[in-house]
Structure formats: C-alpha cells, structure tokens
Amino acid sequence: MKSARFTLVFVIVIMLVLMGINIFQWFYAKEKIVYVRSYELIEKYQGTVEARVEFEKRKAKMLSNVDSLRLDFERSRNAYIQVSRKLSSESREQQESVLGQQQNQLVLYQQAIDQKIQEEDSKMMQEVLNQVNSLIEEYAIREGYDIILGTTMSGNVLFGDKSLDITDAVLLELNNRYKGK
C-alpha cells in the first residue's frame, strides 16, 4: 500500500513539474517573429535600383527599334497618300498591299518586343528577389528568428509593433553585401 501511495505521489509530482515546465515555456519562451516592409526593402535595395537602370537602357534600345520601324511605316504611308490619286487602281492596290504587310510586320515586331521586355523584367526581378530571399534566410538563422513575415500591399500583415520591424537592418546588410562590404 505504501508503495502504491509513493508511486501515486511520485506520478503527481512529476506531472506538476512537467506542467510547470510547460507553463514556463508558454509564458517565457516565445517564438521570435519579426517582419520586414517588403515593398520598401525591394525598392531601396541598391541591387534593384541598378538592375532597373540597366533594364531601362535595354528597354529603351528595343523600343527605339520599334519607333524606327513605325517612322518608316508612317513615311511610306504619307508618301503613298501624296501620290495615291495619281496612281492607277492596280498600282494603288500594290502599294496598299505593301503598306499592309509593313504594318503587319510592325505590329508583330512590337508584340515580340513587348513580350521580350516582359520576360526580361520578370527575369530581372526574379534575380533581385532571389538575392533578397537568400539574405533574409541567412539573416534569420544568424539572428535566431523563427519567422520573418513580409508586409505587402495586399495586406498579409495588417499590424506589427515597430520593435518587430527589421526592415532597416536587413536593408543595410543587403546593400552592404551588394557593395561588397
């Protein structure tokens, strides 16, 4: 009987100790959760700024080719308009056919350039996001964060205490790494 009582008391004491440990962990061992302002982080990252400058140069060159083709087409059309009354109906049809082909080529080329611009923009942004995400993962591990949330324009994080905002620290490290420091 004494052994059963002792076992019961021992089990109760163990349960109380375990409950105490759980209560302590629940109150004092909180997860480390912080957030960054995603839009600001991306926009102020020097890698993004420089990638956009380079992208805009390539985009301007591609669009200038489209503008040259458009000017050629407009010149051809204007020349046709000036002489169209003097042309025979057969010559007019030929000229209009040539203009139609030229216009179709312009439209197809513009569509191809627009698609290429979108692809290059997506590729550039993906490279930037890969750099940012890589650093954030390293930063979280080094600083002991369990979760780093990102605020977005669509409202995933509606509120965060300013003390949990690590945007400036991450941005500083991101830009320093980009500069090679």
Protein backbone atom coordinates (compact mmCIF):
# COMPACT_ATOMS: atom_id res chain seq x y z
CA MET A 1 0.00 0.00 0.00
CA LYS A 2 2.87 2.37 0.86
CA SER A 3 4.49 1.64 -2.45
CA ALA A 4 1.25 2.42 -4.33
CA ARG A 5 0.91 5.69 -2.39
CA PHE A 6 4.52 6.56 -3.04
CA THR A 7 4.07 5.82 -6.76
CA LEU A 8 0.93 7.94 -6.88
CA VAL A 9 2.65 10.86 -5.14
CA PHE A 10 5.68 10.44 -7.39
CA VAL A 11 3.49 10.49 -10.54
CA ILE A 12 1.63 13.59 -9.29
CA VAL A 13 4.90 15.40 -8.54
CA ILE A 14 6.28 14.52 -11.99
CA MET A 15 3.06 15.75 -13.61
CA LEU A 16 3.22 19.01 -11.66
CA VAL A 17 6.85 19.52 -12.67
CA LEU A 18 6.01 18.86 -16.32
CA MET A 19 3.04 21.22 -16.14
CA GLY A 20 5.28 23.85 -14.57
CA ILE A 21 7.81 23.47 -17.36
CA ASN A 22 5.07 23.78 -19.99
CA ILE A 23 3.61 26.85 -18.31
CA PHE A 24 7.06 28.42 -18.08
CA GLN A 25 7.73 27.74 -21.77
CA TRP A 26 4.32 29.07 -22.73
CA PHE A 27 4.86 32.35 -20.86
CA TYR A 28 8.57 32.96 -21.33
CA ALA A 29 9.87 31.06 -24.31
CA LYS A 30 8.03 32.91 -27.07
CA GLU A 31 8.88 32.40 -30.71
CA LYS A 32 10.97 35.10 -32.28
CA ILE A 33 8.77 36.57 -35.00
CA VAL A 34 9.65 39.78 -36.83
CA TYR A 35 8.67 41.40 -40.10
CA VAL A 36 10.05 43.47 -42.95
CA ARG A 37 8.29 46.01 -45.11
CA SER A 38 8.70 44.04 -48.33
CA TYR A 39 7.97 46.80 -50.81
CA GLU A 40 10.38 49.21 -49.15
CA LEU A 41 13.05 46.53 -48.85
CA ILE A 42 12.88 45.75 -52.57
CA GLU A 43 12.61 49.37 -53.70
CA LYS A 44 15.50 50.65 -51.59
CA TYR A 45 17.80 47.72 -52.31
CA GLN A 46 20.70 49.04 -54.39
CA GLY A 47 20.66 45.86 -56.47
CA THR A 48 17.10 46.65 -57.54
CA VAL A 49 17.95 50.26 -58.35
CA GLU A 50 20.93 49.31 -60.53
CA ALA A 51 19.13 46.39 -62.19
CA ARG A 52 16.28 48.73 -63.16
CA VAL A 53 18.68 51.30 -64.62
CA GLU A 54 20.29 48.60 -66.80
CA PHE A 55 16.89 47.18 -67.73
CA GLU A 56 15.58 50.61 -68.73
CA LYS A 57 18.59 51.09 -71.02
CA ARG A 58 17.93 47.76 -72.77
CA LYS A 59 14.20 48.53 -72.92
CA ALA A 60 14.82 51.97 -74.46
CA LYS A 61 17.03 50.43 -77.14
CA MET A 62 14.41 47.81 -78.00
CA LEU A 63 11.68 50.45 -78.14
CA SER A 64 13.82 52.72 -80.32
CA ASN A 65 13.93 49.92 -82.90
CA VAL A 66 10.12 49.80 -82.83
CA ASP A 67 9.99 53.59 -83.19
CA SER A 68 12.30 53.42 -86.23
CA LEU A 69 10.05 50.86 -87.89
CA ARG A 70 7.00 52.95 -87.05
CA LEU A 71 8.59 56.05 -88.59
CA ASP A 72 9.46 54.07 -91.72
CA PHE A 73 5.87 52.90 -91.97
CA GLU A 74 4.49 56.42 -91.44
CA ARG A 75 6.82 57.81 -94.12
CA SER A 76 5.72 55.12 -96.54
CA ARG A 77 2.07 55.76 -95.73
CA ASN A 78 2.45 59.53 -96.10
CA ALA A 79 4.28 59.10 -99.41
CA TYR A 80 1.51 56.83 -100.61
CA ILE A 81 -1.18 59.33 -99.55
CA GLN A 82 0.53 62.10 -101.51
CA VAL A 83 0.71 60.11 -104.74
CA SER A 84 -2.31 57.82 -104.39
CA ARG A 85 -4.62 59.99 -106.54
CA LYS A 86 -2.17 59.87 -109.41
CA LEU A 87 -1.77 56.09 -109.32
CA SER A 88 -3.72 53.57 -111.32
CA SER A 89 -6.02 51.32 -109.33
CA GLU A 90 -3.61 48.43 -109.86
CA SER A 91 -0.66 50.46 -108.53
CA ARG A 92 -2.78 51.64 -105.59
CA GLU A 93 -3.66 48.05 -104.71
CA GLN A 94 0.00 47.05 -104.86
CA GLN A 95 1.06 49.99 -102.69
CA GLU A 96 -1.75 49.28 -100.20
CA SER A 97 -0.72 45.63 -100.07
CA VAL A 98 2.90 46.62 -99.35
CA LEU A 99 1.72 49.08 -96.68
CA GLY A 100 -0.49 46.39 -95.13
CA GLN A 101 2.43 43.96 -94.97
CA GLN A 102 4.67 46.65 -93.50
CA GLN A 103 2.04 47.47 -90.89
CA ASN A 104 1.60 43.77 -90.02
CA GLN A 105 5.35 43.38 -89.62
CA LEU A 106 5.42 46.42 -87.36
CA VAL A 107 2.61 45.03 -85.20
CA LEU A 108 4.26 41.59 -84.96
CA TYR A 109 7.63 43.11 -84.13
CA GLN A 110 6.09 45.35 -81.47
CA GLN A 111 4.33 42.36 -79.90
CA ALA A 112 7.60 40.38 -79.89
CA ILE A 113 9.44 43.31 -78.28
CA ASP A 114 6.70 43.77 -75.66
CA GLN A 115 6.94 40.08 -74.79
CA LYS A 116 10.73 40.25 -74.60
CA ILE A 117 10.52 43.30 -72.34
CA GLN A 118 8.10 41.48 -70.00
CA GLU A 119 10.35 38.40 -69.93
CA GLU A 120 13.45 40.46 -69.17
CA ASP A 121 11.62 42.42 -66.47
CA SER A 122 10.44 39.18 -64.84
CA LYS A 123 13.92 37.69 -65.05
CA MET A 124 15.50 40.82 -63.55
CA MET A 125 13.01 40.93 -60.68
CA GLN A 126 13.41 37.20 -60.01
CA GLU A 127 17.19 37.66 -59.70
CA VAL A 128 16.67 40.54 -57.26
CA LEU A 129 14.13 38.54 -55.22
CA ASN A 130 16.50 35.57 -55.09
CA GLN A 131 19.22 37.81 -53.65
CA VAL A 132 16.85 39.32 -51.09
CA ASN A 133 15.35 35.97 -50.05
CA SER A 134 18.79 34.39 -49.70
CA LEU A 135 19.97 37.16 -47.40
CA ILE A 136 16.76 37.10 -45.36
CA GLU A 137 17.17 33.37 -44.77
CA GLU A 138 20.80 33.81 -43.67
CA TYR A 139 19.85 36.80 -41.51
CA ALA A 140 17.03 34.89 -39.79
CA ILE A 141 19.29 31.95 -38.96
CA ARG A 142 22.11 34.19 -37.70
CA GLU A 143 19.79 36.36 -35.57
CA GLY A 144 17.76 33.41 -34.25
CA TYR A 145 14.42 34.41 -35.75
CA ASP A 146 11.86 31.65 -36.12
CA ILE A 147 9.75 33.57 -38.64
CA ILE A 148 10.25 36.71 -40.72
CA LEU A 149 7.00 37.95 -42.15
CA GLY A 150 6.73 40.41 -45.01
CA THR A 151 4.19 43.18 -45.23
CA THR A 152 2.69 43.55 -48.66
CA MET A 153 0.42 45.96 -50.43
CA SER A 154 -2.29 43.27 -50.33
CA GLY A 155 -2.22 43.26 -46.54
CA ASN A 156 -0.79 39.96 -45.28
CA VAL A 157 0.42 41.67 -42.10
CA LEU A 158 -2.05 44.32 -41.04
CA PHE A 159 -0.16 45.47 -37.98
CA GLY A 160 3.21 44.88 -36.42
CA ASP A 161 4.81 46.50 -33.42
CA LYS A 162 7.62 48.76 -34.62
CA SER A 163 10.06 46.88 -32.38
CA LEU A 164 9.48 43.80 -34.55
CA ASP A 165 10.26 45.66 -37.80
CA ILE A 166 13.74 44.69 -39.02
CA THR A 167 13.46 46.25 -42.48
CA ASP A 168 16.18 48.84 -41.95
CA ALA A 169 18.67 46.33 -40.54
CA VAL A 170 18.05 43.86 -43.38
CA LEU A 171 18.21 46.62 -46.00
CA LEU A 172 21.52 47.87 -44.60
CA GLU A 173 23.03 44.40 -44.71
CA LEU A 174 21.60 43.73 -48.16
CA ASN A 175 23.09 46.94 -49.59
CA ASN A 176 26.42 46.36 -47.82
CA ARG A 177 26.64 42.88 -49.29
CA TYR A 178 25.74 44.26 -52.71
CA LYS A 179 28.52 46.84 -52.44
CA GLY A 180 30.93 44.08 -51.41
CA LYS A 181 31.39 45.15 -47.81
